[in-house]
Amino acid sequence: MTSIVLRTLTKKSKLGVWKINDTIQNLLDRKDKRNLVQAYFKLTTINYTDDILDELGITSKWKIKKPGANKDLYYEFLKANNWSSEMTSKKSRGGRADKLKGKNILLSKSSLQSKNHGR
């Protein structure tokens, strides 16, 4: 039998995911709420105290049962709170790499460098 360790984080706790080793309070002070919201909805073992959830705007409508994750609810939350992002819809994930796929041209090293540097 495996056990899942649920981390309920307070304002003094360190997030410790995605190379973010800052405290929750520092992230809130820097208005870096997006990483906190993303961790709540996408990671199964991360939960916050009620005061942090209120500060992030996660009301009872948006709360999910932990341990668990809900990526679809995350995207709905971003749209409902008008947090614009390239990642709000799964269809918009792509990038500039797709521009080179259609072309079947041999590019020199210098031309690739100039494209990389935005020239």
N, C-alpha and C. Protein backbone atom coordinates (compact mmCIF):
# COMPACT_ATOMS: atom_id res chain seq x y z
N MET A 1 0.84 -1.17 0.00
CA MET A 1 0.00 0.00 0.00
C MET A 1 0.88 1.24 0.00
N THR A 2 0.59 2.16 -0.90
CA THR A 2 1.37 3.39 -0.95
C THR A 2 0.61 4.51 -0.27
N SER A 3 1.33 5.37 0.37
CA SER A 3 0.69 6.51 1.03
C SER A 3 1.12 7.79 0.32
N ILE A 4 0.20 8.72 0.23
CA ILE A 4 0.46 10.00 -0.41
C ILE A 4 0.62 11.05 0.69
N VAL A 5 1.70 11.79 0.62
CA VAL A 5 1.97 12.83 1.60
C VAL A 5 1.39 14.13 1.08
N LEU A 6 0.39 14.65 1.76
CA LEU A 6 -0.24 15.90 1.38
C LEU A 6 0.44 17.04 2.12
N ARG A 7 0.94 18.02 1.36
CA ARG A 7 1.61 19.17 1.95
C ARG A 7 0.64 20.34 2.02
N THR A 8 0.22 20.72 3.20
CA THR A 8 -0.60 21.91 3.39
C THR A 8 0.35 23.04 3.75
N LEU A 9 0.48 24.00 2.84
CA LEU A 9 1.47 25.05 2.99
C LEU A 9 0.88 26.28 3.66
N THR A 10 1.70 26.90 4.52
CA THR A 10 1.33 28.16 5.15
C THR A 10 2.15 29.27 4.50
N LYS A 11 1.99 30.49 4.99
CA LYS A 11 2.72 31.61 4.39
C LYS A 11 4.23 31.52 4.63
N LYS A 12 4.64 30.81 5.67
CA LYS A 12 6.07 30.68 5.95
C LYS A 12 6.71 29.49 5.24
N SER A 13 5.89 28.64 4.62
CA SER A 13 6.41 27.45 3.94
C SER A 13 7.09 27.82 2.63
N LYS A 14 8.04 27.00 2.25
CA LYS A 14 8.68 27.18 0.94
C LYS A 14 7.96 26.30 -0.07
N LEU A 15 7.78 26.85 -1.27
CA LEU A 15 7.04 26.11 -2.29
C LEU A 15 7.83 24.87 -2.72
N GLY A 16 9.07 25.04 -3.14
CA GLY A 16 9.94 23.91 -3.42
C GLY A 16 9.60 23.09 -4.66
N VAL A 17 8.95 23.69 -5.64
CA VAL A 17 8.69 23.00 -6.91
C VAL A 17 9.10 23.92 -8.05
N TRP A 18 9.41 23.34 -9.19
CA TRP A 18 9.78 24.07 -10.41
C TRP A 18 10.93 25.05 -10.16
N LYS A 19 11.89 24.66 -9.34
CA LYS A 19 13.05 25.48 -9.01
C LYS A 19 12.67 26.79 -8.31
N ILE A 20 11.49 26.81 -7.68
CA ILE A 20 11.05 27.97 -6.90
C ILE A 20 11.18 27.59 -5.44
N ASN A 21 12.20 28.11 -4.79
CA ASN A 21 12.45 27.77 -3.39
C ASN A 21 12.18 28.96 -2.49
N ASP A 22 11.23 29.80 -2.87
CA ASP A 22 10.89 30.98 -2.09
C ASP A 22 9.69 30.67 -1.20
N THR A 23 9.49 31.49 -0.17
CA THR A 23 8.34 31.26 0.71
C THR A 23 7.06 31.74 0.02
N ILE A 24 5.95 31.23 0.50
CA ILE A 24 4.65 31.60 -0.05
C ILE A 24 4.41 33.10 0.15
N GLN A 25 4.79 33.63 1.30
CA GLN A 25 4.60 35.06 1.58
C GLN A 25 5.38 35.91 0.59
N ASN A 26 6.62 35.55 0.28
CA ASN A 26 7.41 36.31 -0.68
C ASN A 26 6.79 36.26 -2.07
N LEU A 27 6.25 35.12 -2.47
CA LEU A 27 5.60 35.01 -3.77
C LEU A 27 4.33 35.86 -3.81
N LEU A 28 3.59 35.92 -2.72
CA LEU A 28 2.41 36.76 -2.67
C LEU A 28 2.78 38.24 -2.69
N ASP A 29 3.85 38.60 -2.01
CA ASP A 29 4.29 39.99 -2.00
C ASP A 29 4.76 40.45 -3.38
N ARG A 30 5.38 39.53 -4.12
CA ARG A 30 5.85 39.85 -5.47
C ARG A 30 4.74 39.74 -6.51
N LYS A 31 3.53 39.44 -6.05
CA LYS A 31 2.37 39.25 -6.93
C LYS A 31 2.62 38.14 -7.94
N ASP A 32 3.33 37.11 -7.51
CA ASP A 32 3.61 35.94 -8.34
C ASP A 32 2.60 34.85 -7.99
N LYS A 33 1.32 35.20 -8.09
CA LYS A 33 0.26 34.29 -7.69
C LYS A 33 0.07 33.16 -8.69
N ARG A 34 0.49 33.38 -9.91
CA ARG A 34 0.25 32.40 -10.96
C ARG A 34 0.90 31.05 -10.65
N ASN A 35 2.14 31.07 -10.15
CA ASN A 35 2.81 29.81 -9.81
C ASN A 35 2.12 29.11 -8.65
N LEU A 36 1.59 29.88 -7.71
CA LEU A 36 0.89 29.28 -6.58
C LEU A 36 -0.42 28.63 -7.04
N VAL A 37 -1.14 29.31 -7.91
CA VAL A 37 -2.40 28.76 -8.43
C VAL A 37 -2.12 27.52 -9.27
N GLN A 38 -1.07 27.60 -10.08
CA GLN A 38 -0.71 26.46 -10.93
C GLN A 38 -0.33 25.25 -10.08
N ALA A 39 0.40 25.47 -9.02
CA ALA A 39 0.78 24.36 -8.14
C ALA A 39 -0.44 23.75 -7.47
N TYR A 40 -1.40 24.59 -7.09
CA TYR A 40 -2.61 24.09 -6.43
C TYR A 40 -3.43 23.20 -7.36
N PHE A 41 -3.64 23.64 -8.59
CA PHE A 41 -4.50 22.90 -9.49
C PHE A 41 -3.80 21.73 -10.18
N LYS A 42 -2.50 21.82 -10.40
CA LYS A 42 -1.83 20.80 -11.21
C LYS A 42 -1.07 19.75 -10.41
N LEU A 43 -0.72 20.04 -9.18
CA LEU A 43 0.04 19.08 -8.37
C LEU A 43 -0.87 18.44 -7.34
N THR A 44 -0.80 17.14 -7.23
CA THR A 44 -1.73 16.41 -6.36
C THR A 44 -1.44 16.60 -4.88
N THR A 45 -0.19 16.85 -4.52
CA THR A 45 0.17 16.86 -3.10
C THR A 45 0.25 18.25 -2.49
N ILE A 46 -0.03 19.31 -3.25
CA ILE A 46 0.09 20.68 -2.74
C ILE A 46 -1.30 21.21 -2.37
N ASN A 47 -1.41 21.69 -1.14
CA ASN A 47 -2.63 22.34 -0.67
C ASN A 47 -2.21 23.56 0.15
N TYR A 48 -3.09 24.54 0.29
CA TYR A 48 -2.80 25.75 1.04
C TYR A 48 -3.81 25.91 2.17
N THR A 49 -3.44 26.73 3.14
CA THR A 49 -4.39 27.05 4.19
C THR A 49 -5.49 27.95 3.60
N ASP A 50 -6.60 28.07 4.31
CA ASP A 50 -7.75 28.82 3.79
C ASP A 50 -7.45 30.29 3.53
N ASP A 51 -6.61 30.92 4.36
CA ASP A 51 -6.30 32.33 4.14
C ASP A 51 -5.52 32.55 2.85
N ILE A 52 -4.65 31.62 2.49
CA ILE A 52 -3.91 31.72 1.23
C ILE A 52 -4.85 31.49 0.05
N LEU A 53 -5.73 30.51 0.17
CA LEU A 53 -6.69 30.25 -0.90
C LEU A 53 -7.57 31.47 -1.14
N ASP A 54 -7.99 32.15 -0.08
CA ASP A 54 -8.80 33.36 -0.23
C ASP A 54 -8.02 34.46 -0.92
N GLU A 55 -6.75 34.60 -0.57
CA GLU A 55 -5.91 35.63 -1.18
C GLU A 55 -5.65 35.35 -2.66
N LEU A 56 -5.62 34.08 -3.03
CA LEU A 56 -5.43 33.71 -4.43
C LEU A 56 -6.73 33.79 -5.24
N GLY A 57 -7.84 33.93 -4.55
CA GLY A 57 -9.13 34.00 -5.23
C GLY A 57 -9.76 32.65 -5.48
N ILE A 58 -9.27 31.63 -4.80
CA ILE A 58 -9.82 30.29 -4.95
C ILE A 58 -10.91 30.13 -3.89
N THR A 59 -12.15 30.30 -4.31
CA THR A 59 -13.29 30.19 -3.41
C THR A 59 -13.76 28.74 -3.39
N SER A 60 -14.85 28.50 -2.70
CA SER A 60 -15.36 27.12 -2.60
C SER A 60 -15.76 26.57 -3.96
N LYS A 61 -16.10 27.45 -4.89
CA LYS A 61 -16.44 27.02 -6.25
C LYS A 61 -15.24 26.38 -6.96
N TRP A 62 -14.04 26.89 -6.67
CA TRP A 62 -12.84 26.45 -7.37
C TRP A 62 -12.03 25.42 -6.59
N LYS A 63 -12.38 25.15 -5.35
CA LYS A 63 -11.59 24.21 -4.55
C LYS A 63 -11.73 22.80 -5.10
N ILE A 64 -10.63 22.07 -5.05
CA ILE A 64 -10.64 20.68 -5.50
C ILE A 64 -10.28 19.79 -4.32
N LYS A 65 -10.73 18.57 -4.40
CA LYS A 65 -10.46 17.61 -3.33
C LYS A 65 -9.01 17.15 -3.45
N LYS A 66 -8.30 17.25 -2.37
CA LYS A 66 -6.90 16.84 -2.34
C LYS A 66 -6.78 15.53 -1.60
N PRO A 67 -5.88 14.63 -1.91
CA PRO A 67 -4.92 14.70 -3.01
C PRO A 67 -5.60 14.48 -4.35
N GLY A 68 -5.30 15.35 -5.26
CA GLY A 68 -5.87 15.29 -6.59
C GLY A 68 -5.48 16.53 -7.36
N ALA A 69 -5.64 16.47 -8.68
CA ALA A 69 -5.34 17.58 -9.56
C ALA A 69 -6.46 17.71 -10.57
N ASN A 70 -6.63 18.92 -11.09
CA ASN A 70 -7.67 19.16 -12.08
C ASN A 70 -7.19 20.26 -13.02
N LYS A 71 -6.57 19.87 -14.13
CA LYS A 71 -6.02 20.85 -15.06
C LYS A 71 -7.11 21.60 -15.81
N ASP A 72 -8.22 20.95 -16.10
CA ASP A 72 -9.31 21.64 -16.80
C ASP A 72 -9.89 22.76 -15.95
N LEU A 73 -10.02 22.51 -14.65
CA LEU A 73 -10.52 23.54 -13.75
C LEU A 73 -9.51 24.69 -13.64
N TYR A 74 -8.23 24.38 -13.77
CA TYR A 74 -7.19 25.41 -13.77
C TYR A 74 -7.37 26.36 -14.95
N TYR A 75 -7.59 25.81 -16.14
CA TYR A 75 -7.77 26.66 -17.32
C TYR A 75 -9.06 27.47 -17.21
N GLU A 76 -10.11 26.89 -16.64
CA GLU A 76 -11.35 27.62 -16.42
C GLU A 76 -11.14 28.76 -15.42
N PHE A 77 -10.35 28.49 -14.38
CA PHE A 77 -10.05 29.52 -13.38
C PHE A 77 -9.31 30.69 -14.00
N LEU A 78 -8.34 30.40 -14.87
CA LEU A 78 -7.59 31.47 -15.53
C LEU A 78 -8.50 32.32 -16.40
N LYS A 79 -9.39 31.67 -17.15
CA LYS A 79 -10.31 32.42 -18.00
C LYS A 79 -11.29 33.25 -17.18
N ALA A 80 -11.79 32.69 -16.10
CA ALA A 80 -12.77 33.39 -15.28
C ALA A 80 -12.17 34.61 -14.58
N ASN A 81 -10.90 34.55 -14.27
CA ASN A 81 -10.24 35.66 -13.59
C ASN A 81 -9.47 36.57 -14.53
N ASN A 82 -9.66 36.37 -15.83
CA ASN A 82 -9.02 37.19 -16.87
C ASN A 82 -7.50 37.24 -16.73
N TRP A 83 -6.92 36.11 -16.42
CA TRP A 83 -5.46 36.01 -16.40
C TRP A 83 -5.04 35.57 -17.78
N SER A 84 -4.63 36.51 -18.61
CA SER A 84 -4.29 36.17 -19.99
C SER A 84 -3.00 35.37 -20.02
N SER A 85 -2.97 34.44 -20.93
CA SER A 85 -1.80 33.57 -21.04
C SER A 85 -1.84 32.84 -22.36
N GLU A 86 -0.68 32.49 -22.85
CA GLU A 86 -0.63 31.63 -24.02
C GLU A 86 -1.10 30.23 -23.67
N MET A 87 -1.01 29.89 -22.38
CA MET A 87 -1.30 28.53 -21.96
C MET A 87 -2.76 28.33 -21.56
N THR A 88 -3.62 29.35 -21.72
CA THR A 88 -5.00 29.17 -21.29
C THR A 88 -5.74 28.17 -22.15
N SER A 89 -5.39 28.06 -23.39
CA SER A 89 -6.02 27.03 -24.21
C SER A 89 -4.96 26.06 -24.69
N LYS A 90 -5.31 24.82 -24.73
CA LYS A 90 -4.34 23.81 -25.11
C LYS A 90 -3.98 23.91 -26.58
N LYS A 91 -4.86 24.52 -27.38
CA LYS A 91 -4.61 24.64 -28.80
C LYS A 91 -3.52 25.65 -29.11
N SER A 92 -3.34 26.64 -28.23
CA SER A 92 -2.36 27.68 -28.52
C SER A 92 -0.94 27.26 -28.19
N ARG A 93 -0.77 26.07 -27.66
CA ARG A 93 0.59 25.61 -27.37
C ARG A 93 1.27 25.30 -28.68
N GLY A 94 2.23 25.87 -28.98
CA GLY A 94 2.97 25.71 -30.22
C GLY A 94 4.12 26.65 -30.06
N GLY A 95 4.54 27.21 -31.08
CA GLY A 95 5.58 28.18 -30.91
C GLY A 95 6.19 28.51 -32.23
N ARG A 96 7.31 29.16 -32.13
CA ARG A 96 7.97 29.56 -33.36
C ARG A 96 8.65 28.39 -34.04
N ALA A 97 8.80 27.29 -33.36
CA ALA A 97 9.42 26.13 -33.99
C ALA A 97 8.55 25.58 -35.12
N ASP A 98 7.24 25.81 -35.02
CA ASP A 98 6.34 25.34 -36.07
C ASP A 98 6.55 26.08 -37.38
N LYS A 99 7.06 27.29 -37.31
CA LYS A 99 7.28 28.06 -38.53
C LYS A 99 8.34 27.42 -39.43
N LEU A 100 9.32 26.79 -38.81
CA LEU A 100 10.39 26.16 -39.59
C LEU A 100 10.00 24.78 -40.10
N LYS A 101 8.97 24.16 -39.53
CA LYS A 101 8.58 22.82 -39.95
C LYS A 101 8.11 22.76 -41.39
N GLY A 102 7.31 23.73 -41.80
CA GLY A 102 6.73 23.71 -43.14
C GLY A 102 7.75 23.96 -44.23
N LYS A 103 8.80 24.65 -43.90
CA LYS A 103 9.82 24.98 -44.91
C LYS A 103 10.83 23.84 -44.99
N ASN A 104 11.15 23.49 -46.17
CA ASN A 104 12.12 22.43 -46.39
C ASN A 104 13.38 23.04 -46.98
N ILE A 105 13.92 24.04 -46.31
CA ILE A 105 15.07 24.79 -46.80
C ILE A 105 16.26 24.50 -45.89
N LEU A 106 17.41 24.34 -46.48
CA LEU A 106 18.63 24.18 -45.69
C LEU A 106 19.08 25.57 -45.25
N LEU A 107 19.22 25.73 -43.97
CA LEU A 107 19.61 27.02 -43.43
C LEU A 107 21.03 26.95 -42.90
N SER A 108 21.79 27.99 -43.16
CA SER A 108 23.16 28.02 -42.67
C SER A 108 23.18 28.39 -41.19
N LYS A 109 24.32 28.19 -40.59
CA LYS A 109 24.46 28.48 -39.17
C LYS A 109 24.23 29.96 -38.90
N SER A 110 24.75 30.81 -39.76
CA SER A 110 24.59 32.26 -39.53
C SER A 110 23.14 32.69 -39.69
N SER A 111 22.40 32.10 -40.64
CA SER A 111 21.00 32.49 -40.80
C SER A 111 20.17 32.01 -39.61
N LEU A 112 20.50 30.84 -39.07
CA LEU A 112 19.79 30.36 -37.88
C LEU A 112 20.11 31.25 -36.67
N GLN A 113 21.36 31.71 -36.57
CA GLN A 113 21.72 32.60 -35.47
C GLN A 113 20.97 33.92 -35.58
N SER A 114 20.84 34.44 -36.78
CA SER A 114 20.14 35.71 -36.94
C SER A 114 18.65 35.56 -36.62
N LYS A 115 18.05 34.40 -36.97
CA LYS A 115 16.66 34.16 -36.61
C LYS A 115 16.52 34.04 -35.09
N ASN A 116 17.49 33.41 -34.48
CA ASN A 116 17.49 33.22 -33.04
C ASN A 116 17.61 34.54 -32.29
N HIS A 117 18.37 35.47 -32.86
CA HIS A 117 18.59 36.76 -32.22
C HIS A 117 17.54 37.78 -32.64
N GLY A 118 16.60 37.38 -33.46
CA GLY A 118 15.51 38.26 -33.85
C GLY A 118 15.87 39.27 -34.91
N ARG A 119 16.82 38.97 -35.75
CA ARG A 119 17.19 39.90 -36.82
C ARG A 119 16.54 39.54 -38.11
